[in-house]
Amino acid sequence: MWARAGSAAGARWLGFAGAVAMAAGGWTAGALPARDPWGVWTPHGAGAQIAGALLAYAGLTVLLAAWWAYGRSGAGVRHTLRTLGCWAAPLALTPPLYSADVYSYVAQGAMVLEGHDVYQAGPSVLDPAGPGGDAAASVGGNWRDTPAPYGPLFLLLARAVAAATGGALVPAVLALRLLALAALVLIVWSVRRLATDRREAGALWLGVLNPLLLMHVVGGAHNDGLMIGLVLAGLVLARRGRWVAGSAVIGLAVMVKSPAALALLFTGVLAGRAATGWPVAARVAKGLLGPGLVAALVVAATSVAAGTGFGWTHTQGVASAIHTALSVSSDAGLALGEGLRLLTGADPDAVKAAVRTAGLAVAAGVIGWLALRSARGRLEPVLGFGLAVTALVVLSPMVQPWYLLWGLGAVAAVRWDGRAGRVLAVLTAALAYETHPSGATPWYGFLLGALAGLAGWRLLRSETAGARPRTLPGQRTGRAGRAGART
């Protein structure tokens, strides 16, 4: 049985069983709405919630094991794409999983539709009996009164969903999940074209078949998927020499979530390196200014056309007000601040803010170093972007598990089997357990995550040492390997 599970086909169906279990558990333990007039996504009591959570965690464990086995099976591109469809399908019709953010998206779309300023008020301004009212009631905690941190392009899409569905909760959530699935397709397209040396299968395994991406882009319908897809598509264009079009697409990604702007730095590297025959100063100026100016025009035009204005420039820090235990700088600042408060009476908030700022300064230094190495030809710019945005995530004052996905596709496309790829694979296993199917972050999630990360790291060490020979995705020889060639 275990030998069959280690084959590509066996791993596919094992993962499918895990995804089905996650989806089934989500019907009672997912991020269910506060009220659903349709009666489709309704709570079934504490016992059913616990049973659903146990089933979902068991399914997640099976999916992770299948993903790990699939990566060692030598499956080709076609098989990997079909496997992606098998694993994503069960999560596409469930209630929101691992996050309630999609309710905020629906409510904010209804706010734009009704003429509210989403950059000044939160979903609580909606009429409980009106369009988006059910979604607003399902937004958790302080987020009900928090302005939107998202760009005008995404709010324009959310408005279209609210208009098409009348703000009805279930259809609106499913419509946004369709948008997430479209983003998944764009990510697949981009990763395949960024993959070096035609090593697409391995890149797809780490960057798209990844359980963390399935959980949070498909299950959670996070708009991070759209941002990632647009960024990677922009990098595809820039690498092909179409840096103007690539910068414009990345500008659209910024209009979903602002961290996408970091990709412009590495687009500039690609643009400058492509300007062969130009004086050095002109190449540098083109790289530093060109992509930014193109993206700025797209950002300005989108902000005006969407009708939401430029208020998004003032709401980018709202999320940082929330302390997340995954933020190294926030945890260090909190610990140092409390220690100094006990010893000297210092203001712990000021100390925490200073440590957070220092973390961002270190991140800026790392990003600059990676950009410089890319400009000098010592680092592939797409990989440089993936590493840079990962460094930004690690040192940010607010970190969520799905933020790891921001740089995952870029790293996977270029160096999925290198050290960075191996680290991201281990982090995938660890971070997948951090979030309860309901979107909460329980204490035992950190314990499970630590155990999963340790298990993954030990397995990688044993394979690297030769204790278990590994067949890399897309590197199988013979007829099966040829059947999995690029289509």
Protein backbone atom coordinates (compact mmCIF):
# COMPACT_ATOMS: atom_id res chain seq x y z
CA MET A 1 0.00 0.00 0.00
CA TRP A 2 2.78 2.45 0.95
CA ALA A 3 4.68 1.65 -2.23
CA ARG A 4 1.60 2.54 -4.26
CA ALA A 5 1.15 5.77 -2.27
CA GLY A 6 4.70 6.70 -3.25
CA SER A 7 3.87 6.56 -6.95
CA ALA A 8 2.57 9.62 -8.76
CA ALA A 9 -0.89 8.11 -9.21
CA GLY A 10 -1.01 6.85 -5.63
CA ALA A 11 0.09 10.20 -4.24
CA ARG A 12 -2.50 11.97 -6.39
CA TRP A 13 -5.40 9.96 -4.99
CA LEU A 14 -4.04 10.04 -1.47
CA GLY A 15 -3.93 13.83 -1.70
CA PHE A 16 -7.42 13.89 -3.17
CA ALA A 17 -8.67 11.91 -0.14
CA GLY A 18 -6.95 14.43 2.14
CA ALA A 19 -8.52 17.37 0.31
CA VAL A 20 -11.96 15.74 0.52
CA ALA A 21 -11.51 15.28 4.28
CA MET A 22 -10.46 18.92 4.65
CA ALA A 23 -13.50 20.06 2.68
CA ALA A 24 -15.87 17.80 4.62
CA GLY A 25 -14.50 19.04 7.92
CA GLY A 26 -14.87 22.60 6.72
CA TRP A 27 -18.65 22.27 6.50
CA THR A 28 -18.82 22.21 10.31
CA ALA A 29 -15.45 23.66 11.39
CA GLY A 30 -14.73 26.23 8.66
CA ALA A 31 -15.09 30.00 8.86
CA LEU A 32 -18.89 29.82 8.90
CA PRO A 33 -20.82 33.10 8.63
CA ALA A 34 -22.59 34.68 11.59
CA ARG A 35 -25.83 34.31 9.68
CA ASP A 36 -26.73 32.72 6.37
CA PRO A 37 -30.29 33.35 5.16
CA TRP A 38 -29.88 30.53 2.65
CA GLY A 39 -29.27 28.00 5.45
CA VAL A 40 -26.37 26.43 3.54
CA TRP A 41 -23.46 27.32 5.82
CA THR A 42 -24.85 27.10 9.33
CA PRO A 43 -23.24 25.94 12.61
CA HIS A 44 -24.16 22.46 13.86
CA GLY A 45 -23.03 22.65 17.46
CA ALA A 46 -19.76 22.34 19.36
CA GLY A 47 -19.54 18.58 18.91
CA ALA A 48 -19.85 18.79 15.14
CA GLN A 49 -17.31 21.60 15.08
CA ILE A 50 -14.74 19.57 17.00
CA ALA A 51 -15.33 16.51 14.84
CA GLY A 52 -15.03 18.62 11.69
CA ALA A 53 -11.80 20.19 12.90
CA LEU A 54 -10.29 16.78 13.67
CA LEU A 55 -11.30 15.55 10.22
CA ALA A 56 -9.84 18.65 8.57
CA TYR A 57 -6.54 18.35 10.44
CA ALA A 58 -6.33 14.65 9.54
CA GLY A 59 -7.05 15.51 5.91
CA LEU A 60 -4.38 18.22 5.95
CA THR A 61 -1.83 15.73 7.28
CA VAL A 62 -2.72 13.28 4.52
CA LEU A 63 -2.50 16.03 1.89
CA LEU A 64 0.93 17.14 3.11
CA ALA A 65 2.20 13.56 3.09
CA ALA A 66 0.83 13.07 -0.42
CA TRP A 67 2.41 16.34 -1.59
CA TRP A 68 5.77 15.32 -0.21
CA ALA A 69 5.51 11.89 -1.83
CA TYR A 70 4.40 13.41 -5.11
CA GLY A 71 7.50 15.58 -5.19
CA ARG A 72 9.62 12.43 -5.11
CA SER A 73 7.59 10.51 -7.69
CA GLY A 74 9.05 12.00 -10.87
CA ALA A 75 5.66 13.02 -12.29
CA GLY A 76 5.62 15.25 -15.36
CA VAL A 77 3.81 18.49 -16.13
CA ARG A 78 0.56 17.05 -17.47
CA HIS A 79 0.18 14.69 -14.53
CA THR A 80 0.96 17.50 -12.08
CA LEU A 81 -1.67 19.79 -13.63
CA ARG A 82 -4.31 17.06 -13.44
CA THR A 83 -3.32 16.41 -9.84
CA LEU A 84 -3.72 20.12 -9.10
CA GLY A 85 -7.27 19.95 -10.40
CA CYS A 86 -8.01 16.90 -8.25
CA TRP A 87 -6.70 18.53 -5.10
CA ALA A 88 -8.28 21.93 -5.68
CA ALA A 89 -11.76 20.73 -6.67
CA PRO A 90 -12.93 19.55 -3.21
CA LEU A 91 -11.97 22.92 -1.69
CA ALA A 92 -13.82 25.00 -4.28
CA LEU A 93 -17.40 24.57 -2.99
CA THR A 94 -16.83 24.57 0.75
CA PRO A 95 -17.53 27.39 3.19
CA PRO A 96 -14.51 29.69 3.61
CA LEU A 97 -11.61 27.75 5.09
CA TYR A 98 -8.73 28.97 7.27
CA SER A 99 -9.83 32.61 7.13
CA ALA A 100 -12.92 34.82 7.28
CA ASP A 101 -11.30 37.54 5.15
CA VAL A 102 -13.54 36.79 2.20
CA TYR A 103 -16.48 38.20 4.18
CA SER A 104 -14.58 41.48 4.38
CA TYR A 105 -14.14 41.41 0.61
CA VAL A 106 -17.88 40.95 0.06
CA ALA A 107 -18.76 43.69 2.56
CA GLN A 108 -16.24 46.12 1.08
CA GLY A 109 -17.58 45.45 -2.40
CA ALA A 110 -21.07 46.27 -1.13
CA MET A 111 -19.72 49.44 0.49
CA VAL A 112 -18.28 50.63 -2.82
CA LEU A 113 -21.55 49.73 -4.54
CA GLU A 114 -23.52 51.85 -2.06
CA GLY A 115 -21.13 54.80 -2.22
CA HIS A 116 -19.38 54.44 1.14
CA ASP A 117 -15.75 55.44 1.43
CA VAL A 118 -14.01 52.13 2.17
CA TYR A 119 -10.83 53.97 3.10
CA GLN A 120 -12.53 55.90 5.88
CA ALA A 121 -14.96 53.37 7.38
CA GLY A 122 -15.33 49.64 7.97
CA PRO A 123 -18.07 47.15 7.04
CA SER A 124 -20.06 48.07 10.15
CA VAL A 125 -21.54 51.03 8.24
CA LEU A 126 -23.60 48.66 6.06
CA ASP A 127 -27.28 48.17 6.73
CA PRO A 128 -27.62 44.73 8.40
CA ALA A 129 -30.66 44.03 6.24
CA GLY A 130 -29.15 45.41 3.03
CA PRO A 131 -26.68 44.11 0.45
CA GLY A 132 -23.54 42.84 2.16
CA GLY A 133 -25.12 43.05 5.60
CA ASP A 134 -24.76 39.32 6.25
CA ALA A 135 -21.13 39.44 5.19
CA ALA A 136 -20.47 42.47 7.41
CA ALA A 137 -21.93 40.62 10.38
CA SER A 138 -19.50 37.78 9.70
CA VAL A 139 -16.39 39.98 9.67
CA GLY A 140 -14.40 39.22 12.78
CA GLY A 141 -13.41 41.49 15.65
CA ASN A 142 -12.03 44.94 15.02
CA TRP A 143 -12.02 44.41 11.25
CA ARG A 144 -15.68 45.50 11.16
CA ASP A 145 -14.56 49.06 11.85
CA THR A 146 -11.26 48.90 9.94
CA PRO A 147 -10.87 50.67 6.57
CA ALA A 148 -9.89 48.54 3.59
CA PRO A 149 -6.12 48.05 3.09
CA TYR A 150 -6.65 46.81 -0.48
CA GLY A 151 -6.10 48.62 -3.73
CA PRO A 152 -8.83 50.07 -6.00
CA LEU A 153 -8.56 47.28 -8.60
CA PHE A 154 -9.54 44.61 -6.12
CA LEU A 155 -12.31 46.76 -4.68
CA LEU A 156 -13.61 47.30 -8.20
CA LEU A 157 -13.75 43.51 -8.65
CA ALA A 158 -15.43 43.12 -5.26
CA ARG A 159 -17.97 45.76 -6.27
CA ALA A 160 -18.72 43.80 -9.45
CA VAL A 161 -19.30 40.68 -7.37
CA ALA A 162 -21.61 42.55 -4.99
CA ALA A 163 -23.55 43.99 -7.93
CA ALA A 164 -23.87 40.62 -9.69
CA THR A 165 -25.00 38.75 -6.57
CA GLY A 166 -26.91 41.51 -4.80
CA GLY A 167 -24.50 41.06 -1.92
CA ALA A 168 -26.05 37.67 -1.09
CA LEU A 169 -23.47 35.97 1.07
CA VAL A 170 -23.10 32.46 -0.40
CA PRO A 171 -23.16 33.44 -4.10
CA ALA A 172 -20.79 36.34 -3.43
CA VAL A 173 -18.28 34.13 -1.62
CA LEU A 174 -18.42 31.54 -4.40
CA ALA A 175 -17.95 34.27 -7.01
CA LEU A 176 -14.83 35.50 -5.22
CA ARG A 177 -13.60 31.93 -5.08
CA LEU A 178 -14.00 31.77 -8.85
CA LEU A 179 -11.76 34.83 -8.99
CA ALA A 180 -9.26 32.98 -6.78
CA LEU A 181 -9.36 29.99 -9.14
CA ALA A 182 -8.71 32.30 -12.08
CA ALA A 183 -5.71 33.65 -10.14
CA LEU A 184 -4.54 30.07 -9.64
CA VAL A 185 -4.65 29.51 -13.41
CA LEU A 186 -2.59 32.69 -13.91
CA ILE A 187 -0.05 31.50 -11.36
CA VAL A 188 0.24 28.17 -13.20
CA TRP A 189 0.76 29.95 -16.53
CA SER A 190 3.40 32.24 -15.08
CA VAL A 191 5.35 29.64 -13.12
CA ARG A 192 5.59 27.41 -16.20
CA ARG A 193 7.03 30.24 -18.26
CA LEU A 194 9.42 31.40 -15.57
CA ALA A 195 10.73 27.90 -14.92
CA THR A 196 14.32 27.59 -16.05
CA ASP A 197 15.74 24.74 -18.13
CA ARG A 198 12.22 23.43 -18.81
CA ARG A 199 12.08 22.08 -15.24
CA GLU A 200 8.41 22.96 -15.00
CA ALA A 201 7.14 19.95 -13.08
CA GLY A 202 9.31 20.64 -10.05
CA ALA A 203 8.43 24.33 -10.12
CA LEU A 204 4.73 23.48 -10.28
CA TRP A 205 5.10 21.00 -7.43
CA LEU A 206 6.57 23.55 -5.02
CA GLY A 207 4.96 26.73 -6.32
CA VAL A 208 1.41 25.70 -7.24
CA LEU A 209 0.54 22.20 -5.99
CA ASN A 210 1.68 23.48 -2.61
CA PRO A 211 -0.89 22.69 0.15
CA LEU A 212 -0.44 26.14 1.71
CA LEU A 213 -1.50 27.75 -1.57
CA LEU A 214 -4.48 25.41 -1.95
CA MET A 215 -5.57 26.13 1.61
CA HIS A 216 -5.41 29.89 1.46
CA VAL A 217 -5.96 30.81 -2.19
CA VAL A 218 -8.64 28.20 -2.99
CA GLY A 219 -10.05 27.39 0.44
CA GLY A 220 -9.68 30.88 1.90
CA ALA A 221 -10.20 32.77 -1.39
CA HIS A 222 -7.49 35.24 -0.36
CA ASN A 223 -6.83 38.08 -2.77
CA ASP A 224 -3.12 37.38 -2.30
CA GLY A 225 -3.56 34.83 -5.10
CA LEU A 226 -4.55 37.55 -7.56
CA MET A 227 -1.64 39.74 -6.48
CA ILE A 228 0.81 36.84 -6.89
CA GLY A 229 -0.56 35.88 -10.30
CA LEU A 230 -0.29 39.43 -11.62
CA VAL A 231 3.23 39.89 -10.25
CA LEU A 232 4.47 36.65 -11.78
CA ALA A 233 2.80 37.48 -15.12
CA GLY A 234 4.50 40.87 -15.06
CA LEU A 235 7.86 39.20 -14.44
CA VAL A 236 7.23 36.85 -17.36
CA LEU A 237 6.72 39.83 -19.66
CA ALA A 238 9.71 41.70 -18.27
CA ARG A 239 12.00 38.73 -18.69
CA ARG A 240 10.89 38.48 -22.33
CA GLY A 241 12.01 42.06 -22.89
CA ARG A 242 8.52 43.61 -22.62
CA TRP A 243 9.31 45.52 -19.45
CA VAL A 244 6.76 48.28 -20.11
CA ALA A 245 3.89 45.77 -20.32
CA GLY A 246 5.34 43.86 -17.38
CA SER A 247 5.55 47.00 -15.25
CA ALA A 248 1.95 47.86 -16.14
CA VAL A 249 0.77 44.41 -15.02
CA ILE A 250 2.73 44.72 -11.79
CA GLY A 251 1.10 48.14 -11.32
CA LEU A 252 -2.25 46.33 -11.44
CA ALA A 253 -0.93 43.90 -8.82
CA VAL A 254 -0.11 46.89 -6.59
CA MET A 255 -3.75 47.88 -6.98
CA VAL A 256 -4.67 44.60 -5.29
CA LYS A 257 -2.09 44.63 -2.48
CA SER A 258 0.79 47.08 -2.15
CA PRO A 259 3.67 44.63 -1.42
CA ALA A 260 3.61 43.81 -5.14
CA ALA A 261 5.52 47.07 -5.67
CA LEU A 262 8.72 45.31 -4.63
CA ALA A 263 8.66 43.44 -7.96
CA LEU A 264 9.25 46.75 -9.77
CA LEU A 265 12.80 46.88 -8.40
CA PHE A 266 13.67 43.57 -10.04
CA THR A 267 11.74 44.45 -13.17
CA GLY A 268 14.05 47.44 -13.34
CA VAL A 269 17.02 45.10 -13.15
CA LEU A 270 15.65 43.14 -16.11
CA ALA A 271 14.96 46.34 -18.05
CA GLY A 272 18.44 47.73 -17.36
CA ARG A 273 20.20 44.50 -18.27
CA ALA A 274 18.27 44.31 -21.54
CA ALA A 275 19.46 47.78 -22.61
CA THR A 276 22.64 46.49 -24.19
CA GLY A 277 24.73 49.11 -25.92
CA TRP A 278 23.43 51.91 -23.70
CA PRO A 279 25.80 53.93 -21.50
CA VAL A 280 25.96 52.60 -17.95
CA ALA A 281 24.32 55.69 -16.50
CA ALA A 282 21.44 55.45 -18.96
CA ARG A 283 20.91 51.77 -18.17
CA VAL A 284 20.84 52.49 -14.47
CA ALA A 285 18.40 55.37 -14.95
CA LYS A 286 16.15 53.21 -17.10
CA GLY A 287 16.14 50.42 -14.53
CA LEU A 288 15.53 52.68 -11.55
CA LEU A 289 12.94 55.01 -13.08
CA GLY A 290 11.27 53.30 -16.02
CA PRO A 291 9.22 50.53 -14.36
CA GLY A 292 8.25 52.83 -11.48
CA LEU A 293 6.95 55.54 -13.81
CA VAL A 294 4.93 53.04 -15.87
CA ALA A 295 3.45 51.47 -12.74
CA ALA A 296 2.71 54.91 -11.27
CA LEU A 297 0.66 55.82 -14.34
CA VAL A 298 -1.29 52.56 -14.06
CA VAL A 299 -1.84 53.10 -10.33
CA ALA A 300 -3.09 56.66 -10.87
CA ALA A 301 -5.38 55.69 -13.74
CA THR A 302 -6.82 52.74 -11.79
CA SER A 303 -7.41 54.82 -8.67
CA VAL A 304 -9.32 57.41 -10.67
CA ALA A 305 -11.24 54.93 -12.83
CA ALA A 306 -12.32 52.82 -9.85
CA GLY A 307 -13.93 55.85 -8.22
CA THR A 308 -12.40 55.04 -4.83
CA GLY A 309 -9.69 57.67 -5.05
CA PHE A 310 -6.27 57.58 -3.43
CA GLY A 311 -7.39 56.80 0.10
CA TRP A 312 -5.62 53.45 -0.12
CA THR A 313 -2.32 55.27 0.39
CA HIS A 314 -3.39 56.03 3.98
CA THR A 315 -4.61 52.57 5.01
CA GLN A 316 -1.57 50.42 4.26
CA GLY A 317 -0.57 50.25 7.92
CA VAL A 318 -3.92 49.19 9.40
CA ALA A 319 -2.97 45.50 9.51
CA SER A 320 0.23 46.19 11.45
CA ALA A 321 -1.86 47.22 14.44
CA ILE A 322 -2.66 43.52 14.94
CA HIS A 323 0.01 41.48 16.74
CA THR A 324 0.70 38.15 15.09
CA ALA A 325 2.92 35.60 16.77
CA LEU A 326 4.62 34.76 13.46
CA SER A 327 6.23 38.21 13.29
CA VAL A 328 9.80 37.93 14.55
CA SER A 329 10.21 41.69 14.97
CA SER A 330 6.89 42.10 16.81
CA ASP A 331 7.65 39.20 19.17
CA ALA A 332 11.17 40.49 19.85
CA GLY A 333 9.88 44.03 20.37
CA LEU A 334 7.17 42.84 22.74
CA ALA A 335 9.59 40.76 24.81
CA LEU A 336 12.22 43.51 24.92
CA GLY A 337 9.64 46.18 25.71
CA GLU A 338 8.15 44.24 28.61
CA GLY A 339 11.61 43.47 29.95
CA LEU A 340 12.68 47.11 29.86
CA ARG A 341 9.38 48.16 31.40
CA LEU A 342 10.05 45.92 34.40
CA LEU A 343 13.65 47.07 34.72
CA THR A 344 13.48 50.77 33.87
CA GLY A 345 9.82 51.69 33.44
CA ALA A 346 10.28 52.36 29.72
CA ASP A 347 7.26 52.57 27.44
CA PRO A 348 6.90 49.03 25.99
CA ASP A 349 4.95 50.26 22.97
CA ALA A 350 7.75 52.63 21.98
CA VAL A 351 10.31 49.84 22.30
CA LYS A 352 8.15 47.49 20.24
CA ALA A 353 7.72 50.14 17.54
CA ALA A 354 11.48 50.75 17.45
CA VAL A 355 12.24 47.04 17.04
CA ARG A 356 9.64 46.75 14.29
CA THR A 357 11.23 49.68 12.48
CA ALA A 358 14.66 48.10 12.86
CA GLY A 359 13.28 44.89 11.36
CA LEU A 360 12.02 46.77 8.32
CA ALA A 361 15.38 48.54 8.01
CA VAL A 362 17.17 45.19 7.97
CA ALA A 363 14.70 43.93 5.37
CA ALA A 364 15.42 47.01 3.22
CA GLY A 365 19.12 46.27 3.46
CA VAL A 366 18.64 42.66 2.40
CA ILE A 367 16.41 43.71 -0.48
CA GLY A 368 18.97 46.26 -1.68
CA TRP A 369 21.76 43.66 -1.50
CA LEU A 370 19.71 41.15 -3.51
CA ALA A 371 18.85 43.80 -6.11
CA LEU A 372 22.52 44.75 -6.43
CA ARG A 373 23.55 41.12 -6.90
CA SER A 374 20.84 40.75 -9.54
CA ALA A 375 22.01 43.89 -11.34
CA ARG A 376 25.58 42.57 -11.41
CA GLY A 377 24.46 39.27 -12.92
CA ARG A 378 25.25 37.21 -9.83
CA LEU A 379 21.62 36.35 -9.08
CA GLU A 380 18.70 35.63 -11.37
CA PRO A 381 16.34 38.64 -10.95
CA VAL A 382 13.21 36.51 -10.61
CA LEU A 383 14.87 34.51 -7.85
CA GLY A 384 16.11 37.78 -6.37
CA PHE A 385 12.54 39.03 -6.15
CA GLY A 386 11.36 35.79 -4.53
CA LEU A 387 14.07 35.96 -1.89
CA ALA A 388 13.55 39.70 -1.34
CA VAL A 389 9.82 39.48 -0.74
CA THR A 390 10.37 36.49 1.55
CA ALA A 391 12.85 38.54 3.57
CA LEU A 392 10.28 41.34 3.76
CA VAL A 393 7.67 38.89 5.06
CA VAL A 394 10.01 37.41 7.68
CA LEU A 395 10.95 40.84 9.04
CA SER A 396 7.54 42.53 8.75
CA PRO A 397 5.63 43.68 11.83
CA MET A 398 2.58 41.65 10.80
CA VAL A 399 2.90 38.15 9.32
CA GLN A 400 0.24 35.64 8.32
CA PRO A 401 0.96 32.05 7.16
CA TRP A 402 -0.16 32.74 3.60
CA TYR A 403 2.32 35.60 3.23
CA LEU A 404 4.93 32.91 2.52
CA LEU A 405 3.18 32.49 -0.83
CA TRP A 406 4.23 35.96 -2.01
CA GLY A 407 7.68 34.82 -3.05
CA LEU A 408 7.05 31.10 -3.35
CA GLY A 409 6.22 30.98 -7.06
CA ALA A 410 9.27 33.03 -8.04
CA VAL A 411 11.66 30.90 -5.99
CA ALA A 412 10.03 27.68 -7.19
CA ALA A 413 10.30 28.69 -10.84
CA VAL A 414 14.06 29.25 -10.68
CA ARG A 415 15.43 27.23 -7.75
CA TRP A 416 12.75 24.85 -6.51
CA ASP A 417 15.32 22.14 -5.73
CA GLY A 418 17.95 24.46 -4.24
CA ARG A 419 18.46 25.47 -0.63
CA ALA A 420 15.82 28.20 -0.78
CA GLY A 421 13.29 25.79 -2.27
CA ARG A 422 13.99 23.20 0.43
CA VAL A 423 13.53 25.79 3.18
CA LEU A 424 10.21 26.92 1.68
CA ALA A 425 9.05 23.31 1.43
CA VAL A 426 9.73 22.80 5.14
CA LEU A 427 8.04 26.09 6.02
CA THR A 428 5.02 25.00 3.99
CA ALA A 429 4.64 21.93 6.19
CA ALA A 430 5.04 24.00 9.36
CA LEU A 431 2.80 26.93 8.48
CA ALA A 432 -0.01 24.76 7.15
CA TYR A 433 -0.87 23.82 10.75
CA GLU A 434 -0.80 27.35 12.17
CA THR A 435 -4.40 28.14 11.26
CA HIS A 436 -7.56 26.36 12.42
CA PRO A 437 -10.13 25.68 9.68
CA SER A 438 -12.24 28.46 11.24
CA GLY A 439 -9.42 30.97 10.75
CA ALA A 440 -8.39 31.07 14.41
CA THR A 441 -4.77 30.63 15.51
CA PRO A 442 -4.81 28.11 18.39
CA TRP A 443 -1.79 27.42 20.58
CA TYR A 444 -1.57 23.82 19.46
CA GLY A 445 -1.16 24.98 15.87
CA PHE A 446 2.37 26.13 16.75
CA LEU A 447 3.15 22.76 18.33
CA LEU A 448 1.84 20.86 15.31
CA GLY A 449 3.68 23.23 13.01
CA ALA A 450 6.96 22.71 14.85
CA LEU A 451 6.58 18.93 14.66
CA ALA A 452 5.71 19.07 10.95
CA GLY A 453 8.63 21.38 10.21
CA LEU A 454 11.02 19.14 12.14
CA ALA A 455 9.76 16.07 10.32
CA GLY A 456 10.16 17.76 6.96
CA TRP A 457 13.65 18.98 7.77
CA ARG A 458 14.77 15.53 8.94
CA LEU A 459 13.38 13.97 5.78
CA LEU A 460 15.21 16.49 3.59
CA ARG A 461 18.45 15.94 5.49
CA SER A 462 18.18 12.18 5.06
CA GLU A 463 17.52 12.54 1.34
CA THR A 464 20.37 15.01 0.90
CA ALA A 465 22.70 12.64 2.70
CA GLY A 466 21.66 9.86 0.35
CA ALA A 467 19.79 7.79 2.90
CA ARG A 468 16.73 7.86 0.65
CA PRO A 469 17.35 8.42 -3.05
CA ARG A 470 15.06 11.03 -4.49
CA THR A 471 13.60 11.19 -7.97
CA LEU A 472 12.95 14.82 -8.75
CA PRO A 473 9.70 15.93 -10.43
CA GLY A 474 9.99 15.95 -14.17
CA GLN A 475 13.28 14.03 -14.17
CA ARG A 476 11.95 10.51 -14.60
CA THR A 477 13.47 8.67 -17.51
CA GLY A 478 11.77 6.39 -19.94
CA ARG A 479 8.30 6.46 -21.45
CA ALA A 480 6.55 7.80 -18.34
CA GLY A 481 8.95 10.76 -18.17
CA ARG A 482 8.48 11.55 -21.88
CA ALA A 483 4.71 11.46 -21.43
CA GLY A 484 5.05 14.20 -18.82
CA ALA A 485 6.94 16.56 -21.07
CA ARG A 486 5.82 20.12 -21.60
CA THR A 487 2.59 20.54 -23.52
